[in-house]
Every structure is written in C-alpha cells, then in structure tokens.
Protein backbone atom coordinates (compact mmCIF):
# COMPACT_ATOMS: atom_id res chain seq x y z
CA UNK A 1 31.08 -27.10 -6.71
CA UNK A 2 30.63 -26.06 -3.07
CA UNK A 3 27.22 -26.00 -1.40
CA UNK A 4 27.41 -22.19 -1.21
CA UNK A 5 28.10 -21.97 -4.93
CA UNK A 6 25.14 -24.28 -5.64
CA UNK A 7 22.88 -22.15 -3.45
CA UNK A 8 24.15 -18.98 -5.16
CA UNK A 9 23.39 -20.48 -8.59
CA UNK A 10 19.95 -21.56 -7.37
CA UNK A 11 19.22 -18.20 -5.72
CA UNK A 12 20.26 -15.78 -8.43
CA UNK A 13 17.41 -16.51 -10.87
CA UNK A 14 14.87 -16.41 -8.03
CA UNK A 15 16.26 -13.10 -6.78
CA UNK A 16 16.18 -11.62 -10.29
CA UNK A 17 12.58 -12.79 -10.89
CA UNK A 18 11.26 -11.43 -7.58
CA UNK A 19 13.20 -8.17 -7.23
CA UNK A 20 13.71 -7.45 -10.91
CA UNK A 21 16.76 -8.12 -13.03
CA UNK A 22 17.71 -4.44 -13.29
CA UNK A 23 17.86 -4.01 -9.51
CA UNK A 24 19.80 -7.23 -8.90
CA UNK A 25 22.20 -6.72 -11.81
CA UNK A 26 22.93 -3.16 -10.62
CA UNK A 27 23.57 -4.39 -7.07
CA UNK A 28 25.98 -7.01 -8.36
CA UNK A 29 27.74 -4.57 -10.72
CA UNK A 30 28.25 -1.98 -7.94
CA UNK A 31 29.69 -4.51 -5.50
CA UNK A 32 33.41 -4.25 -4.87
CA UNK A 33 35.32 -7.13 -3.26
CA UNK A 34 34.13 -6.10 0.21
CA UNK A 35 30.41 -5.87 -0.72
CA UNK A 36 30.54 -8.96 -2.92
CA UNK A 37 30.81 -11.05 0.25
CA UNK A 38 27.37 -9.76 1.25
CA UNK A 39 25.95 -10.19 -2.26
CA UNK A 40 27.08 -13.81 -2.31
CA UNK A 41 25.74 -14.46 1.20
CA UNK A 42 22.32 -12.92 0.60
CA UNK A 43 21.92 -14.59 -2.78
CA UNK A 44 22.94 -17.99 -1.39
CA UNK A 45 21.17 -17.92 1.97
CA UNK A 46 18.11 -15.74 1.47
CA UNK A 47 17.40 -16.57 -2.16
CA UNK A 48 18.92 -20.01 -2.73
CA UNK A 49 18.22 -21.54 0.65
CA UNK A 50 15.12 -19.73 2.01
CA UNK A 51 13.29 -18.61 -1.15
CA UNK A 52 14.48 -21.76 -2.95
CA UNK A 53 12.65 -24.02 -0.49
CA UNK A 54 9.48 -25.18 -2.28
CA UNK A 55 7.41 -25.52 0.92
CA UNK A 56 5.98 -21.98 0.66
CA UNK A 57 5.02 -20.33 -2.61
CA UNK A 58 6.44 -16.94 -3.58
CA UNK A 59 3.20 -15.07 -2.85
CA UNK A 60 3.21 -16.37 0.72
CA UNK A 61 6.89 -15.55 1.14
CA UNK A 62 6.27 -12.00 -0.09
CA UNK A 63 3.50 -11.49 2.47
CA UNK A 64 5.64 -12.94 5.27
CA UNK A 65 8.53 -10.67 4.25
CA UNK A 66 6.33 -7.58 4.34
CA UNK A 67 5.15 -8.46 7.85
CA UNK A 68 8.69 -9.15 9.10
CA UNK A 69 10.09 -6.00 7.51
CA UNK A 70 7.32 -4.00 9.14
CA UNK A 71 8.28 -5.50 12.50
CA UNK A 72 11.89 -4.54 11.86
CA UNK A 73 10.84 -1.08 10.60
CA UNK A 74 12.95 -1.38 7.44
CA UNK A 75 11.26 0.99 4.99
CA UNK A 76 13.86 0.66 2.18
CA UNK A 77 13.47 -3.13 2.23
CA UNK A 78 9.67 -2.81 2.41
CA UNK A 79 9.80 -0.75 -0.79
CA UNK A 80 11.90 -3.39 -2.49
CA UNK A 81 9.65 -6.22 -1.35
CA UNK A 82 6.39 -4.45 -2.23
CA UNK A 83 7.61 -4.41 -5.81
CA UNK A 84 8.62 -8.05 -5.40
CA UNK A 85 5.18 -8.87 -3.99
CA UNK A 86 3.55 -7.32 -7.04
CA UNK A 87 5.89 -9.39 -9.23
CA UNK A 88 4.73 -12.47 -7.30
CA UNK A 89 1.05 -11.75 -7.93
CA UNK A 90 0.16 -10.28 -4.54
CA UNK A 91 -2.73 -7.82 -4.81
CA UNK A 92 -2.86 -4.31 -3.38
CA UNK A 93 -5.61 -5.45 -0.99
CA UNK A 94 -3.44 -8.34 0.22
CA UNK A 95 -0.51 -5.97 0.79
CA UNK A 96 -2.77 -3.60 2.70
CA UNK A 97 -4.18 -6.46 4.78
CA UNK A 98 -0.78 -7.84 5.76
CA UNK A 99 0.45 -4.35 6.68
CA UNK A 100 -2.64 -3.78 8.83
CA UNK A 101 -2.10 -7.15 10.50
CA UNK A 102 1.55 -6.31 11.14
CA UNK A 103 0.55 -2.88 12.48
CA UNK A 104 -1.69 -4.55 15.08
CA UNK A 105 1.24 -6.59 16.36
CA UNK A 106 4.18 -4.23 15.70
CA UNK A 107 2.66 -0.88 16.61
CA UNK A 108 1.40 2.23 14.91
CA UNK A 109 4.81 3.86 14.19
CA UNK A 110 6.13 0.75 12.42
CA UNK A 111 2.86 0.34 10.56
CA UNK A 112 2.83 3.97 9.47
CA UNK A 113 6.34 3.70 8.07
CA UNK A 114 5.40 0.48 6.28
CA UNK A 115 2.25 2.01 4.79
CA UNK A 116 4.14 5.09 3.60
CA UNK A 117 6.86 2.96 2.00
CA UNK A 118 4.35 0.62 0.37
CA UNK A 119 2.18 3.48 -0.87
CA UNK A 120 5.14 5.15 -2.57
CA UNK A 121 5.96 1.98 -4.49
CA UNK A 122 2.35 1.14 -5.32
CA UNK A 123 1.84 4.59 -6.83
CA UNK A 124 5.17 4.44 -8.68
CA UNK A 125 4.30 1.01 -10.12
CA UNK A 126 0.83 2.17 -11.18
CA UNK A 127 -0.98 -0.17 -8.78
CA UNK A 128 -2.55 2.87 -7.07
CA UNK A 129 -3.49 6.20 -8.61
CA UNK A 130 -1.34 9.19 -7.72
CA UNK A 131 -3.08 11.71 -5.52
C-alpha cells in the first residue's frame, strides 16, 4: 500500500468524525474522476497527515482552523469548520474568542464575514437561539 493510500485510510475516519459522515460521504459520492483527485488529496494530506498528527488535539486544531480561515476570508469553509469545532467539543465562547482574536489580526471585514458565517451555523445547530 502506498503512503498516500495509508494517509487516505488514516484520514477518512478523522474527516468523517470532525465534519460529519453525511457531509463527507456526499462529497465523495458527488466526486467524478476529476474531483476525486482533490478528494483523495485533501483526505490524505489535510486529514491523514495534518489532522492525524497526535501533537495537537482536535479542539486546538479546530480553533487554529477557524483563525486561519478567517485570515483567508473563506466563509464556506468557516461554516464547515464551526460545525466541526462543535463536534470536537469547542464551546460557543471559545469560537467567539478565536474569531475576535483573528479579527484583531486579520481586520474587521474578514472578522465580520467570519462572525456572520459562524453565527449562521451556531443558530442552525442550536448552539445559539434564533433571533
């Protein structure tokens, strides 16, 4: 078995646990031959190699991801990883704190987009009341 195949096999259960099996299974099922190259790469590298490293726990990785995604201004990925953070035991207050911290370093526009994306997911998941 190649190293990439080993990382894929290591990464898939982690990816499913963090992001949710329904989301991951749907992504895999929708992938044609072209997109499967990306699915294999992200599962192997991000989930098998990076998330599979035991040095940082999943809660810490979720918080780091939210800060990095805020810096990159990637609202769709923030939404995905807010749900993952909740799955990893991160609290609403911790999510808010890391987004505020990222806002201080990344700027108000990026922070605003991150807060809006996170708020949408937190309400949808029942972690915050709808207003």
